[in-house]
Amino acid sequence: MVKLTADLIWKCPHFFNALKERELDLRGNKIAVIENLGATELDNFPYLKRLGTLLINNNRVTRINPNIGEFLPSLHTLVLKDNRLVNLVED
């Protein structure tokens, strides 16, 4: 199982798109779980207040912390195609 760590995030492609929004591409990394991205178990992980697009397709994500928006306040696009999501919780 691949863990989403600060090292993995900084090694993955990240850039500004044409709208000057920051994008992070985590496609194809076989990530199993996305936890609270501000949690202490992810050492030195930054608060990503400017991240607008997160591409996580082609991984092994089974669940997403329902509070993910607290740590990604500008997130408007989340691509989860071809993952193993069990269920999604509505607000």
PDB file of N, CA and C in Angstrom:
ATOM      1  N   MET A   1       0.846  -1.173   0.000  1.00  0.00           N
ATOM      2  CA  MET A   1       0.000   0.000   0.000  1.00  0.00           C
ATOM      3  C   MET A   1       0.895   1.242   0.000  1.00  0.00           C
ATOM      4  N   VAL A   2       0.626   2.150  -0.902  1.00  0.00           N
ATOM      5  CA  VAL A   2       1.367   3.410  -0.982  1.00  0.00           C
ATOM      6  C   VAL A   2       0.729   4.407  -0.028  1.00  0.00           C
ATOM      7  N   LYS A   3       1.557   5.065   0.777  1.00  0.00           N
ATOM      8  CA  LYS A   3       1.064   6.087   1.695  1.00  0.00           C
ATOM      9  C   LYS A   3       1.249   7.456   1.065  1.00  0.00           C
ATOM     10  N   LEU A   4       0.272   8.293   1.267  1.00  0.00           N
ATOM     11  CA  LEU A   4       0.361   9.666   0.780  1.00  0.00           C
ATOM     12  C   LEU A   4       1.220  10.445   1.765  1.00  0.00           C
ATOM     13  N   THR A   5       2.461  10.696   1.401  1.00  0.00           N
ATOM     14  CA  THR A   5       3.400  11.406   2.266  1.00  0.00           C
ATOM     15  C   THR A   5       3.794  12.731   1.631  1.00  0.00           C
ATOM     16  N   ALA A   6       4.400  13.577   2.429  1.00  0.00           N
ATOM     17  CA  ALA A   6       4.882  14.854   1.904  1.00  0.00           C
ATOM     18  C   ALA A   6       5.888  14.619   0.782  1.00  0.00           C
ATOM     19  N   ASP A   7       6.737  13.610   0.940  1.00  0.00           N
ATOM     20  CA  ASP A   7       7.737  13.304  -0.080  1.00  0.00           C
ATOM     21  C   ASP A   7       7.072  12.916  -1.403  1.00  0.00           C
ATOM     22  N   LEU A   8       6.045  12.078  -1.337  1.00  0.00           N
ATOM     23  CA  LEU A   8       5.326  11.688  -2.555  1.00  0.00           C
ATOM     24  C   LEU A   8       4.685  12.902  -3.213  1.00  0.00           C
ATOM     25  N   ILE A   9       4.075  13.752  -2.418  1.00  0.00           N
ATOM     26  CA  ILE A   9       3.415  14.934  -2.970  1.00  0.00           C
ATOM     27  C   ILE A   9       4.410  15.851  -3.666  1.00  0.00           C
ATOM     28  N   TRP A  10       5.558  16.073  -3.074  1.00  0.00           N
ATOM     29  CA  TRP A  10       6.532  16.978  -3.694  1.00  0.00           C
ATOM     30  C   TRP A  10       7.202  16.366  -4.914  1.00  0.00           C
ATOM     31  N   LYS A  11       7.217  15.032  -5.012  1.00  0.00           N
ATOM     32  CA  LYS A  11       7.802  14.373  -6.189  1.00  0.00           C
ATOM     33  C   LYS A  11       6.823  14.289  -7.362  1.00  0.00           C
ATOM     34  N   CYS A  12       5.531  14.388  -7.073  1.00  0.00           N
ATOM     35  CA  CYS A  12       4.518  14.321  -8.132  1.00  0.00           C
ATOM     36  C   CYS A  12       4.439  15.652  -8.872  1.00  0.00           C
ATOM     37  N   PRO A  13       3.997  15.618 -10.121  1.00  0.00           N
ATOM     38  CA  PRO A  13       3.887  16.864 -10.885  1.00  0.00           C
ATOM     39  C   PRO A  13       2.912  17.841 -10.240  1.00  0.00           C
ATOM     40  N   HIS A  14       3.336  19.075 -10.093  1.00  0.00           N
ATOM     41  CA  HIS A  14       2.456  20.143  -9.625  1.00  0.00           C
ATOM     42  C   HIS A  14       2.824  21.399 -10.399  1.00  0.00           C
ATOM     43  N   PHE A  15       1.808  22.163 -10.734  1.00  0.00           N
ATOM     44  CA  PHE A  15       2.025  23.312 -11.604  1.00  0.00           C
ATOM     45  C   PHE A  15       0.846  24.253 -11.499  1.00  0.00           C
ATOM     46  N   PHE A  16       0.954  25.410 -12.128  1.00  0.00           N
ATOM     47  CA  PHE A  16      -0.159  26.345 -12.242  1.00  0.00           C
ATOM     48  C   PHE A  16      -0.786  26.149 -13.617  1.00  0.00           C
ATOM     49  N   ASN A  17      -2.106  26.059 -13.654  1.00  0.00           N
ATOM     50  CA  ASN A  17      -2.790  25.898 -14.933  1.00  0.00           C
ATOM     51  C   ASN A  17      -3.003  27.262 -15.588  1.00  0.00           C
ATOM     52  N   ALA A  18      -3.727  27.279 -16.690  1.00  0.00           N
ATOM     53  CA  ALA A  18      -3.946  28.526 -17.435  1.00  0.00           C
ATOM     54  C   ALA A  18      -4.713  29.574 -16.630  1.00  0.00           C
ATOM     55  N   LEU A  19      -5.482  29.122 -15.633  1.00  0.00           N
ATOM     56  CA  LEU A  19      -6.231  30.047 -14.776  1.00  0.00           C
ATOM     57  C   LEU A  19      -5.431  30.463 -13.541  1.00  0.00           C
ATOM     58  N   LYS A  20      -4.154  30.075 -13.517  1.00  0.00           N
ATOM     59  CA  LYS A  20      -3.240  30.359 -12.406  1.00  0.00           C
ATOM     60  C   LYS A  20      -3.684  29.699 -11.106  1.00  0.00           C
ATOM     61  N   GLU A  21      -4.319  28.526 -11.245  1.00  0.00           N
ATOM     62  CA  GLU A  21      -4.681  27.715 -10.096  1.00  0.00           C
ATOM     63  C   GLU A  21      -3.620  26.629  -9.955  1.00  0.00           C
ATOM     64  N   ARG A  22      -3.270  26.300  -8.733  1.00  0.00           N
ATOM     65  CA  ARG A  22      -2.278  25.247  -8.512  1.00  0.00           C
ATOM     66  C   ARG A  22      -2.935  23.887  -8.713  1.00  0.00           C
ATOM     67  N   GLU A  23      -2.268  22.994  -9.443  1.00  0.00           N
ATOM     68  CA  GLU A  23      -2.751  21.640  -9.682  1.00  0.00           C
ATOM     69  C   GLU A  23      -1.710  20.645  -9.194  1.00  0.00           C
ATOM     70  N   LEU A  24      -2.189  19.557  -8.610  1.00  0.00           N
ATOM     71  CA  LEU A  24      -1.337  18.477  -8.124  1.00  0.00           C
ATOM     72  C   LEU A  24      -1.811  17.194  -8.789  1.00  0.00           C
ATOM     73  N   ASP A  25      -0.915  16.485  -9.459  1.00  0.00           N
ATOM     74  CA  ASP A  25      -1.258  15.279 -10.212  1.00  0.00           C
ATOM     75  C   ASP A  25      -0.729  14.050  -9.474  1.00  0.00           C
ATOM     76  N   LEU A  26      -1.641  13.276  -8.879  1.00  0.00           N
ATOM     77  CA  LEU A  26      -1.275  12.065  -8.144  1.00  0.00           C
ATOM     78  C   LEU A  26      -1.737  10.802  -8.871  1.00  0.00           C
ATOM     79  N   ARG A  27      -1.966  10.897 -10.163  1.00  0.00           N
ATOM     80  CA  ARG A  27      -2.458   9.750 -10.933  1.00  0.00           C
ATOM     81  C   ARG A  27      -1.467   8.592 -10.934  1.00  0.00           C
ATOM     82  N   GLY A  28      -2.014   7.365 -10.856  1.00  0.00           N
ATOM     83  CA  GLY A  28      -1.225   6.154 -11.044  1.00  0.00           C
ATOM     84  C   GLY A  28      -0.243   5.814  -9.945  1.00  0.00           C
ATOM     85  N   ASN A  29      -0.438   6.300  -8.726  1.00  0.00           N
ATOM     86  CA  ASN A  29       0.494   6.030  -7.630  1.00  0.00           C
ATOM     87  C   ASN A  29       0.066   4.892  -6.715  1.00  0.00           C
ATOM     88  N   LYS A  30      -1.066   4.255  -6.959  1.00  0.00           N
ATOM     89  CA  LYS A  30      -1.580   3.147  -6.151  1.00  0.00           C
ATOM     90  C   LYS A  30      -1.806   3.561  -4.698  1.00  0.00           C
ATOM     91  N   ILE A  31      -2.256   4.789  -4.502  1.00  0.00           N
ATOM     92  CA  ILE A  31      -2.564   5.296  -3.166  1.00  0.00           C
ATOM     93  C   ILE A  31      -3.825   4.596  -2.681  1.00  0.00           C
ATOM     94  N   ALA A  32      -3.795   4.073  -1.461  1.00  0.00           N
ATOM     95  CA  ALA A  32      -4.936   3.328  -0.934  1.00  0.00           C
ATOM     96  C   ALA A  32      -5.919   4.207  -0.165  1.00  0.00           C
ATOM     97  N   VAL A  33      -5.444   5.153   0.599  1.00  0.00           N
ATOM     98  CA  VAL A  33      -6.320   5.956   1.453  1.00  0.00           C
ATOM     99  C   VAL A  33      -5.849   7.397   1.459  1.00  0.00           C
ATOM    100  N   ILE A  34      -6.804   8.320   1.410  1.00  0.00           N
ATOM    101  CA  ILE A  34      -6.490   9.733   1.586  1.00  0.00           C
ATOM    102  C   ILE A  34      -7.045  10.125   2.940  1.00  0.00           C
ATOM    103  N   GLU A  35      -6.179  10.422   3.853  1.00  0.00           N
ATOM    104  CA  GLU A  35      -6.582  10.811   5.197  1.00  0.00           C
ATOM    105  C   GLU A  35      -6.641  12.321   5.289  1.00  0.00           C
ATOM    106  N   ASN A  36      -6.816  12.806   6.482  1.00  0.00           N
ATOM    107  CA  ASN A  36      -6.814  14.228   6.788  1.00  0.00           C
ATOM    108  C   ASN A  36      -5.451  14.790   6.388  1.00  0.00           C
ATOM    109  N   LEU A  37      -5.405  15.576   5.347  1.00  0.00           N
ATOM    110  CA  LEU A  37      -4.126  16.034   4.799  1.00  0.00           C
ATOM    111  C   LEU A  37      -3.379  16.985   5.716  1.00  0.00           C
ATOM    112  N   GLY A  38      -3.986  17.429   6.786  1.00  0.00           N
ATOM    113  CA  GLY A  38      -3.299  18.277   7.744  1.00  0.00           C
ATOM    114  C   GLY A  38      -2.892  17.525   8.989  1.00  0.00           C
ATOM    115  N   ALA A  39      -3.069  16.223   9.014  1.00  0.00           N
ATOM    116  CA  ALA A  39      -2.807  15.433  10.208  1.00  0.00           C
ATOM    117  C   ALA A  39      -1.323  15.279  10.462  1.00  0.00           C
ATOM    118  N   THR A  40      -0.995  14.993  11.708  1.00  0.00           N
ATOM    119  CA  THR A  40       0.407  14.893  12.093  1.00  0.00           C
ATOM    120  C   THR A  40       1.092  13.643  11.567  1.00  0.00           C
ATOM    121  N   GLU A  41       0.348  12.628  11.183  1.00  0.00           N
ATOM    122  CA  GLU A  41       1.016  11.437  10.668  1.00  0.00           C
ATOM    123  C   GLU A  41       1.687  11.674   9.309  1.00  0.00           C
ATOM    124  N   LEU A  42       1.380  12.759   8.668  1.00  0.00           N
ATOM    125  CA  LEU A  42       2.063  13.132   7.429  1.00  0.00           C
ATOM    126  C   LEU A  42       3.049  14.240   7.770  1.00  0.00           C
ATOM    127  N   ASP A  43       4.266  13.861   8.054  1.00  0.00           N
ATOM    128  CA  ASP A  43       5.282  14.806   8.509  1.00  0.00           C
ATOM    129  C   ASP A  43       5.508  15.944   7.527  1.00  0.00           C
ATOM    130  N   ASN A  44       5.563  17.149   8.056  1.00  0.00           N
ATOM    131  CA  ASN A  44       5.880  18.361   7.294  1.00  0.00           C
ATOM    132  C   ASN A  44       4.955  18.592   6.104  1.00  0.00           C
ATOM    133  N   PHE A  45       3.731  18.135   6.215  1.00  0.00           N
ATOM    134  CA  PHE A  45       2.796  18.297   5.106  1.00  0.00           C
ATOM    135  C   PHE A  45       2.178  19.684   5.156  1.00  0.00           C
ATOM    136  N   PRO A  46       2.207  20.425   4.051  1.00  0.00           N
ATOM    137  CA  PRO A  46       1.715  21.805   4.057  1.00  0.00           C
ATOM    138  C   PRO A  46       0.197  21.906   3.989  1.00  0.00           C
ATOM    139  N   TYR A  47      -0.307  22.987   4.500  1.00  0.00           N
ATOM    140  CA  TYR A  47      -1.710  23.358   4.350  1.00  0.00           C
ATOM    141  C   TYR A  47      -1.828  23.901   2.929  1.00  0.00           C
ATOM    142  N   LEU A  48      -2.649  23.278   2.088  1.00  0.00           N
ATOM    143  CA  LEU A  48      -2.698  23.630   0.667  1.00  0.00           C
ATOM    144  C   LEU A  48      -3.882  24.540   0.371  1.00  0.00           C
ATOM    145  N   LYS A  49      -3.804  25.760   0.834  1.00  0.00           N
ATOM    146  CA  LYS A  49      -4.927  26.680   0.686  1.00  0.00           C
ATOM    147  C   LYS A  49      -5.151  27.132  -0.752  1.00  0.00           C
ATOM    148  N   ARG A  50      -4.163  26.995  -1.640  1.00  0.00           N
ATOM    149  CA  ARG A  50      -4.311  27.447  -3.028  1.00  0.00           C
ATOM    150  C   ARG A  50      -4.557  26.314  -4.016  1.00  0.00           C
ATOM    151  N   LEU A  51      -4.560  25.065  -3.545  1.00  0.00           N
ATOM    152  CA  LEU A  51      -4.761  23.937  -4.457  1.00  0.00           C
ATOM    153  C   LEU A  51      -6.201  23.917  -4.943  1.00  0.00           C
ATOM    154  N   GLY A  52      -6.401  24.043  -6.252  1.00  0.00           N
ATOM    155  CA  GLY A  52      -7.737  24.068  -6.835  1.00  0.00           C
ATOM    156  C   GLY A  52      -8.138  22.757  -7.482  1.00  0.00           C
ATOM    157  N   THR A  53      -7.168  22.007  -8.015  1.00  0.00           N
ATOM    158  CA  THR A  53      -7.450  20.755  -8.719  1.00  0.00           C
ATOM    159  C   THR A  53      -6.560  19.656  -8.166  1.00  0.00           C
ATOM    160  N   LEU A  54      -7.155  18.515  -7.868  1.00  0.00           N
ATOM    161  CA  LEU A  54      -6.408  17.366  -7.364  1.00  0.00           C
ATOM    162  C   LEU A  54      -6.776  16.161  -8.219  1.00  0.00           C
ATOM    163  N   LEU A  55      -5.786  15.601  -8.920  1.00  0.00           N
ATOM    164  CA  LEU A  55      -5.987  14.457  -9.815  1.00  0.00           C
ATOM    165  C   LEU A  55      -5.484  13.200  -9.116  1.00  0.00           C
ATOM    166  N   ILE A  56      -6.401  12.314  -8.753  1.00  0.00           N
ATOM    167  CA  ILE A  56      -6.027  11.103  -8.021  1.00  0.00           C
ATOM    168  C   ILE A  56      -6.544   9.866  -8.746  1.00  0.00           C
ATOM    169  N   ASN A  57      -6.831   9.971 -10.014  1.00  0.00           N
ATOM    170  CA  ASN A  57      -7.344   8.818 -10.740  1.00  0.00           C
ATOM    171  C   ASN A  57      -6.282   7.727 -10.873  1.00  0.00           C
ATOM    172  N   ASN A  58      -6.760   6.489 -11.116  1.00  0.00           N
ATOM    173  CA  ASN A  58      -5.898   5.312 -11.293  1.00  0.00           C
ATOM    174  C   ASN A  58      -5.042   5.023 -10.067  1.00  0.00           C
ATOM    175  N   ASN A  59      -5.650   5.058  -8.904  1.00  0.00           N
ATOM    176  CA  ASN A  59      -4.991   4.692  -7.657  1.00  0.00           C
ATOM    177  C   ASN A  59      -5.831   3.615  -6.991  1.00  0.00           C
ATOM    178  N   ARG A  60      -5.683   3.456  -5.689  1.00  0.00           N
ATOM    179  CA  ARG A  60      -6.456   2.461  -4.944  1.00  0.00           C
ATOM    180  C   ARG A  60      -7.189   3.106  -3.776  1.00  0.00           C
ATOM    181  N   VAL A  61      -7.659   4.300  -3.975  1.00  0.00           N
ATOM    182  CA  VAL A  61      -8.337   5.033  -2.913  1.00  0.00           C
ATOM    183  C   VAL A  61      -9.648   4.330  -2.573  1.00  0.00           C
ATOM    184  N   THR A  62      -9.839   4.021  -1.279  1.00  0.00           N
ATOM    185  CA  THR A  62     -11.083   3.393  -0.834  1.00  0.00           C
ATOM    186  C   THR A  62     -11.951   4.354  -0.035  1.00  0.00           C
ATOM    187  N   ARG A  63     -11.344   5.362   0.566  1.00  0.00           N
ATOM    188  CA  ARG A  63     -12.120   6.337   1.331  1.00  0.00           C
ATOM    189  C   ARG A  63     -11.391   7.666   1.374  1.00  0.00           C
ATOM    190  N   ILE A  64     -12.155   8.702   1.617  1.00  0.00           N
ATOM    191  CA  ILE A  64     -11.613  10.051   1.729  1.00  0.00           C
ATOM    192  C   ILE A  64     -12.138  10.639   3.025  1.00  0.00           C
ATOM    193  N   ASN A  65     -11.272  11.235   3.788  1.00  0.00           N
ATOM    194  CA  ASN A  65     -11.690  11.875   5.027  1.00  0.00           C
ATOM    195  C   ASN A  65     -12.749  12.922   4.710  1.00  0.00           C
ATOM    196  N   PRO A  66     -13.897  12.888   5.398  1.00  0.00           N
ATOM    197  CA  PRO A  66     -14.956  13.860   5.104  1.00  0.00           C
ATOM    198  C   PRO A  66     -14.570  15.304   5.402  1.00  0.00           C
ATOM    199  N   ASN A  67     -13.505  15.519   6.145  1.00  0.00           N
ATOM    200  CA  ASN A  67     -13.050  16.872   6.482  1.00  0.00           C
ATOM    201  C   ASN A  67     -11.939  17.369   5.566  1.00  0.00           C
ATOM    202  N   ILE A  68     -11.739  16.732   4.436  1.00  0.00           N
ATOM    203  CA  ILE A  68     -10.644  17.099   3.535  1.00  0.00           C
ATOM    204  C   ILE A  68     -10.723  18.563   3.099  1.00  0.00           C
ATOM    205  N   GLY A  69     -11.928  19.101   3.010  1.00  0.00           N
ATOM    206  CA  GLY A  69     -12.105  20.493   2.593  1.00  0.00           C
ATOM    207  C   GLY A  69     -11.518  21.504   3.557  1.00  0.00           C
ATOM    208  N   GLU A  70     -11.352  21.130   4.815  1.00  0.00           N
ATOM    209  CA  GLU A  70     -10.746  22.036   5.794  1.00  0.00           C
ATOM    210  C   GLU A  70      -9.284  22.306   5.463  1.00  0.00           C
ATOM    211  N   PHE A  71      -8.638  21.359   4.811  1.00  0.00           N
ATOM    212  CA  PHE A  71      -7.216  21.481   4.507  1.00  0.00           C
ATOM    213  C   PHE A  71      -6.961  21.827   3.052  1.00  0.00           C
ATOM    214  N   LEU A  72      -8.013  21.794   2.259  1.00  0.00           N
ATOM    215  CA  LEU A  72      -7.941  22.174   0.848  1.00  0.00           C
ATOM    216  C   LEU A  72      -9.104  23.120   0.561  1.00  0.00           C
ATOM    217  N   PRO A  73      -9.114  24.309   1.148  1.00  0.00           N
ATOM    218  CA  PRO A  73     -10.277  25.197   1.049  1.00  0.00           C
ATOM    219  C   PRO A  73     -10.582  25.704  -0.356  1.00  0.00           C
ATOM    220  N   SER A  74      -9.617  25.709  -1.252  1.00  0.00           N
ATOM    221  CA  SER A  74      -9.848  26.196  -2.621  1.00  0.00           C
ATOM    222  C   SER A  74     -10.137  25.071  -3.605  1.00  0.00           C
ATOM    223  N   LEU A  75     -10.180  23.835  -3.122  1.00  0.00           N
ATOM    224  CA  LEU A  75     -10.394  22.692  -4.008  1.00  0.00           C
ATOM    225  C   LEU A  75     -11.768  22.757  -4.660  1.00  0.00           C
ATOM    226  N   HIS A  76     -11.787  22.766  -5.988  1.00  0.00           N
ATOM    227  CA  HIS A  76     -13.049  22.777  -6.719  1.00  0.00           C
ATOM    228  C   HIS A  76     -13.158  21.594  -7.673  1.00  0.00           C
ATOM    229  N   THR A  77     -12.038  20.942  -7.979  1.00  0.00           N
ATOM    230  CA  THR A  77     -12.051  19.791  -8.871  1.00  0.00           C
ATOM    231  C   THR A  77     -11.258  18.657  -8.239  1.00  0.00           C
ATOM    232  N   LEU A  78     -11.910  17.514  -8.076  1.00  0.00           N
ATOM    233  CA  LEU A  78     -11.277  16.322  -7.515  1.00  0.00           C
ATOM    234  C   LEU A  78     -11.593  15.166  -8.456  1.00  0.00           C
ATOM    235  N   VAL A  79     -10.564  14.623  -9.116  1.00  0.00           N
ATOM    236  CA  VAL A  79     -10.758  13.542 -10.087  1.00  0.00           C
ATOM    237  C   VAL A  79     -10.390  12.220  -9.412  1.00  0.00           C
ATOM    238  N   LEU A  80     -11.379  11.320  -9.293  1.00  0.00           N
ATOM    239  CA  LEU A  80     -11.207  10.045  -8.591  1.00  0.00           C
ATOM    240  C   LEU A  80     -11.486   8.836  -9.481  1.00  0.00           C
ATOM    241  N   LYS A  81     -11.439   9.001 -10.778  1.00  0.00           N
ATOM    242  CA  LYS A  81     -11.750   7.912 -11.714  1.00  0.00           C
ATOM    243  C   LYS A  81     -10.838   6.704 -11.463  1.00  0.00           C
ATOM    244  N   ASP A  82     -11.404   5.510 -11.598  1.00  0.00           N
ATOM    245  CA  ASP A  82     -10.661   4.247 -11.473  1.00  0.00           C
ATOM    246  C   ASP A  82      -9.976   4.091 -10.123  1.00  0.00           C
ATOM    247  N   ASN A  83     -10.752   4.242  -9.061  1.00  0.00           N
ATOM    248  CA  ASN A  83     -10.301   3.975  -7.707  1.00  0.00           C
ATOM    249  C   ASN A  83     -11.221   2.929  -7.103  1.00  0.00           C
ATOM    250  N   ARG A  84     -11.094   2.681  -5.822  1.00  0.00           N
ATOM    251  CA  ARG A  84     -11.882   1.648  -5.147  1.00  0.00           C
ATOM    252  C   ARG A  84     -12.722   2.242  -4.021  1.00  0.00           C
ATOM    253  N   LEU A  85     -13.377   3.347  -4.294  1.00  0.00           N
ATOM    254  CA  LEU A  85     -14.184   4.008  -3.274  1.00  0.00           C
ATOM    255  C   LEU A  85     -15.310   3.094  -2.803  1.00  0.00           C
ATOM    256  N   VAL A  86     -15.492   3.043  -1.478  1.00  0.00           N
ATOM    257  CA  VAL A  86     -16.532   2.209  -0.890  1.00  0.00           C
ATOM    258  C   VAL A  86     -17.835   2.979  -0.792  1.00  0.00           C
ATOM    259  N   ASN A  87     -17.802   4.183  -0.243  1.00  0.00           N
ATOM    260  CA  ASN A  87     -18.986   5.035  -0.187  1.00  0.00           C
ATOM    261  C   ASN A  87     -18.561   6.484  -0.011  1.00  0.00           C
ATOM    262  N   LEU A  88     -19.466   7.365  -0.324  1.00  0.00           N
ATOM    263  CA  LEU A  88     -19.233   8.794  -0.154  1.00  0.00           C
ATOM    264  C   LEU A  88     -20.278   9.319   0.815  1.00  0.00           C
ATOM    265  N   VAL A  89     -19.857  10.185   1.714  1.00  0.00           N
ATOM    266  CA  VAL A  89     -20.755  10.748   2.715  1.00  0.00           C
ATOM    267  C   VAL A  89     -21.234  12.106   2.240  1.00  0.00           C
ATOM    268  N   GLU A  90     -22.537  12.355   2.339  1.00  0.00           N
ATOM    269  CA  GLU A  90     -23.091  13.662   1.989  1.00  0.00           C
ATOM    270  C   GLU A  90     -23.090  14.556   3.207  1.00  0.00           C
ATOM    271  N   ASP A  91     -22.975  15.875   2.983  1.00  0.00           N
ATOM    272  CA  ASP A  91     -23.086  16.833   4.089  1.00  0.00           C
ATOM    273  C   ASP A  91     -24.527  16.983   4.483  1.00  0.00           C
TER     274      ASP A  91
END
